[in-house]
């Protein structure tokens, strides 16, 4: 997935970013426009009720592996999720002009 397309979709409110890392990783640094939905919660069947099913969910983690697993779970539940293979550091570089990094 082209990160410029991801950025475009987010800016045009066609998609949201989902961070599937764990709370301690989120606390260290995250994109402020992202929503935290840890893979461990999804593995336990905890899917947030406020996840939109009318938008693309771009999922990211530190390196891409957890995002792929989380995407499979969410897609089985009827969401349109796309795992980003790019690392968190790569996302920060491309999306930093759109999202504040905390």
C-alpha atoms as a PDB file:
ATOM      1  CA  UNK A   1       0.000   0.000   0.000  1.00  0.00           C
ATOM      2  CA  UNK A   2       1.326   3.389  -1.016  1.00  0.00           C
ATOM      3  CA  UNK A   3       1.672   5.614   2.066  1.00  0.00           C
ATOM      4  CA  UNK A   4       0.734   8.702   0.045  1.00  0.00           C
ATOM      5  CA  UNK A   5      -2.610   6.988  -0.710  1.00  0.00           C
ATOM      6  CA  UNK A   6      -3.015   6.217   2.989  1.00  0.00           C
ATOM      7  CA  UNK A   7      -2.361   9.858   3.808  1.00  0.00           C
ATOM      8  CA  UNK A   8      -4.852  10.979   1.138  1.00  0.00           C
ATOM      9  CA  UNK A   9      -7.573   8.633   2.426  1.00  0.00           C
ATOM     10  CA  UNK A  10      -7.087   9.821   6.005  1.00  0.00           C
ATOM     11  CA  UNK A  11      -7.113  13.492   5.041  1.00  0.00           C
ATOM     12  CA  UNK A  12     -10.332  12.944   3.072  1.00  0.00           C
ATOM     13  CA  UNK A  13     -11.947  11.056   5.948  1.00  0.00           C
ATOM     14  CA  UNK A  14     -12.214   7.849   3.934  1.00  0.00           C
ATOM     15  CA  UNK A  15     -10.053   5.930   6.387  1.00  0.00           C
ATOM     16  CA  UNK A  16      -8.708   5.865   9.921  1.00  0.00           C
ATOM     17  CA  UNK A  17      -5.418   4.651  11.369  1.00  0.00           C
ATOM     18  CA  UNK A  18      -5.487   1.817  13.860  1.00  0.00           C
ATOM     19  CA  UNK A  19      -2.428   1.149  16.006  1.00  0.00           C
ATOM     20  CA  UNK A  20      -2.422  -2.533  16.990  1.00  0.00           C
ATOM     21  CA  UNK A  21       0.663  -2.325  19.198  1.00  0.00           C
ATOM     22  CA  UNK A  22       0.313  -2.719  22.945  1.00  0.00           C
ATOM     23  CA  UNK A  23      -0.455   0.059  25.423  1.00  0.00           C
ATOM     24  CA  UNK A  24       3.156   0.362  26.606  1.00  0.00           C
ATOM     25  CA  UNK A  25       4.351   0.886  23.012  1.00  0.00           C
ATOM     26  CA  UNK A  26       1.581   3.441  22.408  1.00  0.00           C
ATOM     27  CA  UNK A  27       2.573   5.297  25.558  1.00  0.00           C
ATOM     28  CA  UNK A  28       6.151   5.699  24.294  1.00  0.00           C
ATOM     29  CA  UNK A  29       5.135   7.175  20.925  1.00  0.00           C
ATOM     30  CA  UNK A  30       2.142   7.148  18.603  1.00  0.00           C
ATOM     31  CA  UNK A  31       0.433   9.058  15.833  1.00  0.00           C
ATOM     32  CA  UNK A  32      -2.157  11.311  17.448  1.00  0.00           C
ATOM     33  CA  UNK A  33      -4.713  10.629  14.704  1.00  0.00           C
ATOM     34  CA  UNK A  34      -4.545   6.864  15.351  1.00  0.00           C
ATOM     35  CA  UNK A  35      -6.826   4.820  17.557  1.00  0.00           C
ATOM     36  CA  UNK A  36      -5.265   2.200  19.807  1.00  0.00           C
ATOM     37  CA  UNK A  37      -6.718  -1.286  19.369  1.00  0.00           C
ATOM     38  CA  UNK A  38      -4.109  -3.747  20.674  1.00  0.00           C
ATOM     39  CA  UNK A  39      -3.803  -7.073  18.902  1.00  0.00           C
ATOM     40  CA  UNK A  40      -3.992  -8.786  22.289  1.00  0.00           C
ATOM     41  CA  UNK A  41      -7.513  -7.357  22.751  1.00  0.00           C
ATOM     42  CA  UNK A  42      -8.591  -8.478  19.289  1.00  0.00           C
ATOM     43  CA  UNK A  43      -7.198 -11.958  20.015  1.00  0.00           C
ATOM     44  CA  UNK A  44      -9.496 -12.061  23.049  1.00  0.00           C
ATOM     45  CA  UNK A  45     -12.506 -11.126  20.913  1.00  0.00           C
ATOM     46  CA  UNK A  46     -12.672  -7.544  22.162  1.00  0.00           C
ATOM     47  CA  UNK A  47     -13.610  -5.440  19.157  1.00  0.00           C
ATOM     48  CA  UNK A  48     -14.336  -1.798  20.008  1.00  0.00           C
ATOM     49  CA  UNK A  49     -17.949  -0.880  19.311  1.00  0.00           C
ATOM     50  CA  UNK A  50     -16.919   2.501  17.909  1.00  0.00           C
ATOM     51  CA  UNK A  51     -14.892   1.104  15.001  1.00  0.00           C
ATOM     52  CA  UNK A  52     -16.495   2.361  11.793  1.00  0.00           C
ATOM     53  CA  UNK A  53     -17.478  -0.262   9.257  1.00  0.00           C
ATOM     54  CA  UNK A  54     -17.990   2.351   6.546  1.00  0.00           C
ATOM     55  CA  UNK A  55     -14.336   3.416   6.363  1.00  0.00           C
ATOM     56  CA  UNK A  56     -11.047   1.762   5.525  1.00  0.00           C
ATOM     57  CA  UNK A  57      -9.113   0.777   8.617  1.00  0.00           C
ATOM     58  CA  UNK A  58      -5.386   1.084   8.008  1.00  0.00           C
ATOM     59  CA  UNK A  59      -3.629  -1.019  10.629  1.00  0.00           C
ATOM     60  CA  UNK A  60      -0.055  -0.575  11.729  1.00  0.00           C
ATOM     61  CA  UNK A  61       2.339  -1.953  14.316  1.00  0.00           C
ATOM     62  CA  UNK A  62       6.085  -1.785  14.808  1.00  0.00           C
ATOM     63  CA  UNK A  63       7.083  -3.846  11.753  1.00  0.00           C
ATOM     64  CA  UNK A  64       3.880  -5.119  10.096  1.00  0.00           C
ATOM     65  CA  UNK A  65       3.380  -8.643  11.436  1.00  0.00           C
ATOM     66  CA  UNK A  66       0.771  -7.862  14.081  1.00  0.00           C
ATOM     67  CA  UNK A  67      -1.098  -5.587  11.683  1.00  0.00           C
ATOM     68  CA  UNK A  68      -1.571  -8.520   9.305  1.00  0.00           C
ATOM     69  CA  UNK A  69      -2.951 -10.754  12.055  1.00  0.00           C
ATOM     70  CA  UNK A  70      -5.241  -7.991  13.336  1.00  0.00           C
ATOM     71  CA  UNK A  71      -6.481  -7.311   9.810  1.00  0.00           C
ATOM     72  CA  UNK A  72      -7.479 -10.954   9.391  1.00  0.00           C
ATOM     73  CA  UNK A  73      -9.483 -10.796  12.631  1.00  0.00           C
ATOM     74  CA  UNK A  74     -11.241  -7.550  11.709  1.00  0.00           C
ATOM     75  CA  UNK A  75     -11.977  -8.617   8.144  1.00  0.00           C
ATOM     76  CA  UNK A  76     -13.607 -11.791   9.470  1.00  0.00           C
ATOM     77  CA  UNK A  77     -15.873  -9.489  11.505  1.00  0.00           C
ATOM     78  CA  UNK A  78     -16.913  -7.574   8.379  1.00  0.00           C
ATOM     79  CA  UNK A  79     -14.550  -4.601   8.519  1.00  0.00           C
ATOM     80  CA  UNK A  80     -12.522  -3.296   5.594  1.00  0.00           C
ATOM     81  CA  UNK A  81      -9.072  -3.365   7.144  1.00  0.00           C
ATOM     82  CA  UNK A  82      -5.746  -3.171   5.376  1.00  0.00           C
ATOM     83  CA  UNK A  83      -2.495  -4.023   7.159  1.00  0.00           C
ATOM     84  CA  UNK A  84       0.339  -1.641   6.460  1.00  0.00           C
ATOM     85  CA  UNK A  85       3.617  -3.445   5.911  1.00  0.00           C
ATOM     86  CA  UNK A  86       5.551  -0.245   6.569  1.00  0.00           C
ATOM     87  CA  UNK A  87       7.147   0.136   9.972  1.00  0.00           C
ATOM     88  CA  UNK A  88       5.969   2.618  12.560  1.00  0.00           C
ATOM     89  CA  UNK A  89       9.110   4.686  11.888  1.00  0.00           C
ATOM     90  CA  UNK A  90       8.301   4.857   8.162  1.00  0.00           C
ATOM     91  CA  UNK A  91       4.726   5.883   8.928  1.00  0.00           C
ATOM     92  CA  UNK A  92       5.956   8.646  11.214  1.00  0.00           C
ATOM     93  CA  UNK A  93       8.044  10.093   8.389  1.00  0.00           C
ATOM     94  CA  UNK A  94       5.261  10.121   5.814  1.00  0.00           C
ATOM     95  CA  UNK A  95       2.324  10.964   8.034  1.00  0.00           C
ATOM     96  CA  UNK A  96       4.018  13.394  10.402  1.00  0.00           C
ATOM     97  CA  UNK A  97       2.825  16.368   8.380  1.00  0.00           C
ATOM     98  CA  UNK A  98      -0.739  15.148   8.992  1.00  0.00           C
ATOM     99  CA  UNK A  99      -0.501  13.677  12.473  1.00  0.00           C
ATOM    100  CA  UNK A 100       1.176  14.927  15.562  1.00  0.00           C
ATOM    101  CA  UNK A 101       3.524  12.357  16.998  1.00  0.00           C
ATOM    102  CA  UNK A 102       3.306  12.024  20.749  1.00  0.00           C
END
